[in-house]
Amino acid sequence: MATKRVHVYYSGRVQGVGFRFAAEAAARKLKVSGWVKNLPDGRVEVVAESDERVIINFLENISGEMSSYIRDAEIFWEQPTGEFKGFGIRFSD
């Protein structure tokens, strides 16, 4: 199965509720690579690479665990770069 890349912007009450840690835990469990970070405008940004089915499972895991905090998710599928080794929380660019 081919590697895919997803770029997601979550909005709602997604900062200060453990969102990044939940995303990191889901990614590590599913062996997804990439990163998650808070944005200055109150959203959370996620970039992840893995097989498409794994990414869908990853996104469903986040949505299921954090559904009460998510108002919207803008999802963009992109070409994978293979640049990541594991998954982590970013604190700034």
Protein backbone atom coordinates (compact mmCIF):
# COMPACT_ATOMS: atom_id res chain seq x y z
CA MET A 1 0.00 0.00 0.00
CA ALA A 2 1.27 3.46 -0.88
CA THR A 3 2.30 6.04 1.68
CA LYS A 4 0.04 9.09 1.94
CA ARG A 5 0.33 12.44 3.68
CA VAL A 6 -2.43 14.37 5.39
CA HIS A 7 -2.37 17.97 6.59
CA VAL A 8 -5.16 18.84 9.04
CA TYR A 9 -6.24 22.02 10.80
CA TYR A 10 -8.51 21.40 13.79
CA SER A 11 -10.57 24.25 15.22
CA GLY A 12 -12.82 24.56 18.25
CA ARG A 13 -11.65 24.38 21.85
CA VAL A 14 -8.61 22.33 20.86
CA GLN A 15 -5.86 24.01 22.85
CA GLY A 16 -5.30 23.40 26.55
CA VAL A 17 -7.26 20.12 26.54
CA GLY A 18 -4.50 17.57 25.84
CA PHE A 19 -5.14 17.49 22.09
CA ARG A 20 -1.47 17.35 21.07
CA PHE A 21 -0.73 14.59 23.56
CA ALA A 22 -3.73 12.56 22.37
CA ALA A 23 -2.59 12.96 18.75
CA GLU A 24 0.96 11.97 19.64
CA ALA A 25 -0.23 8.86 21.53
CA ALA A 26 -2.46 7.78 18.63
CA ALA A 27 0.34 8.34 16.12
CA ARG A 28 2.86 6.33 18.10
CA LYS A 29 0.38 3.49 18.63
CA LEU A 30 -0.36 3.32 14.89
CA LYS A 31 3.23 4.04 13.77
CA VAL A 32 2.29 7.26 11.99
CA SER A 33 5.08 9.76 11.39
CA GLY A 34 4.79 13.56 11.43
CA TRP A 35 3.99 16.24 13.97
CA VAL A 36 1.30 18.22 15.79
CA LYS A 37 1.41 21.80 17.06
CA ASN A 38 -0.73 24.61 18.43
CA LEU A 39 -1.21 27.63 16.18
CA PRO A 40 -1.39 31.24 17.38
CA ASP A 41 -4.99 31.55 16.10
CA GLY A 42 -6.23 28.80 18.46
CA ARG A 43 -6.24 25.91 15.98
CA VAL A 44 -4.14 22.75 16.10
CA GLU A 45 -2.19 21.66 13.01
CA VAL A 46 -1.32 18.04 12.24
CA VAL A 47 0.89 16.67 9.46
CA ALA A 48 1.07 12.89 9.22
CA GLU A 49 2.38 10.22 6.86
CA SER A 50 1.63 6.50 6.67
CA ASP A 51 -0.50 4.11 4.63
CA GLU A 52 -3.87 5.64 3.77
CA ARG A 53 -5.85 3.18 5.93
CA VAL A 54 -3.56 3.85 8.88
CA ILE A 55 -3.97 7.62 8.48
CA ILE A 56 -7.75 7.27 8.32
CA ASN A 57 -7.63 5.19 11.51
CA PHE A 58 -5.38 7.84 13.10
CA LEU A 59 -7.81 10.65 12.20
CA GLU A 60 -10.77 8.61 13.46
CA ASN A 61 -8.91 7.98 16.71
CA ILE A 62 -8.31 11.71 17.20
CA SER A 63 -11.91 12.59 16.26
CA GLY A 64 -13.30 9.95 18.60
CA GLU A 65 -11.19 10.94 21.58
CA MET A 66 -11.41 14.71 21.09
CA SER A 67 -14.89 15.04 19.51
CA SER A 68 -16.27 17.25 22.28
CA TYR A 69 -13.54 19.83 21.57
CA ILE A 70 -13.44 19.78 17.75
CA ARG A 71 -15.72 22.18 15.88
CA ASP A 72 -14.18 21.67 12.45
CA ALA A 73 -11.35 19.82 10.70
CA GLU A 74 -9.91 21.04 7.41
CA ILE A 75 -8.28 17.99 5.80
CA PHE A 76 -5.86 18.21 2.88
CA TRP A 77 -4.26 15.18 1.22
CA GLU A 78 -0.76 15.89 -0.08
CA GLN A 79 2.16 14.04 -1.62
CA PRO A 80 4.30 12.31 1.04
CA THR A 81 7.88 13.47 1.47
CA GLY A 82 9.25 10.73 3.75
CA GLU A 83 10.99 13.41 5.81
CA PHE A 84 9.75 12.26 9.23
CA LYS A 85 11.28 9.78 11.63
CA GLY A 86 8.57 9.21 14.20
CA PHE A 87 5.91 11.60 15.48
CA GLY A 88 6.36 14.55 17.79
CA ILE A 89 4.92 17.70 19.26
CA ARG A 90 6.26 20.93 17.80
CA PHE A 91 6.30 24.06 19.88
CA SER A 92 7.32 26.57 17.19
CA ASP A 93 8.63 26.73 13.63
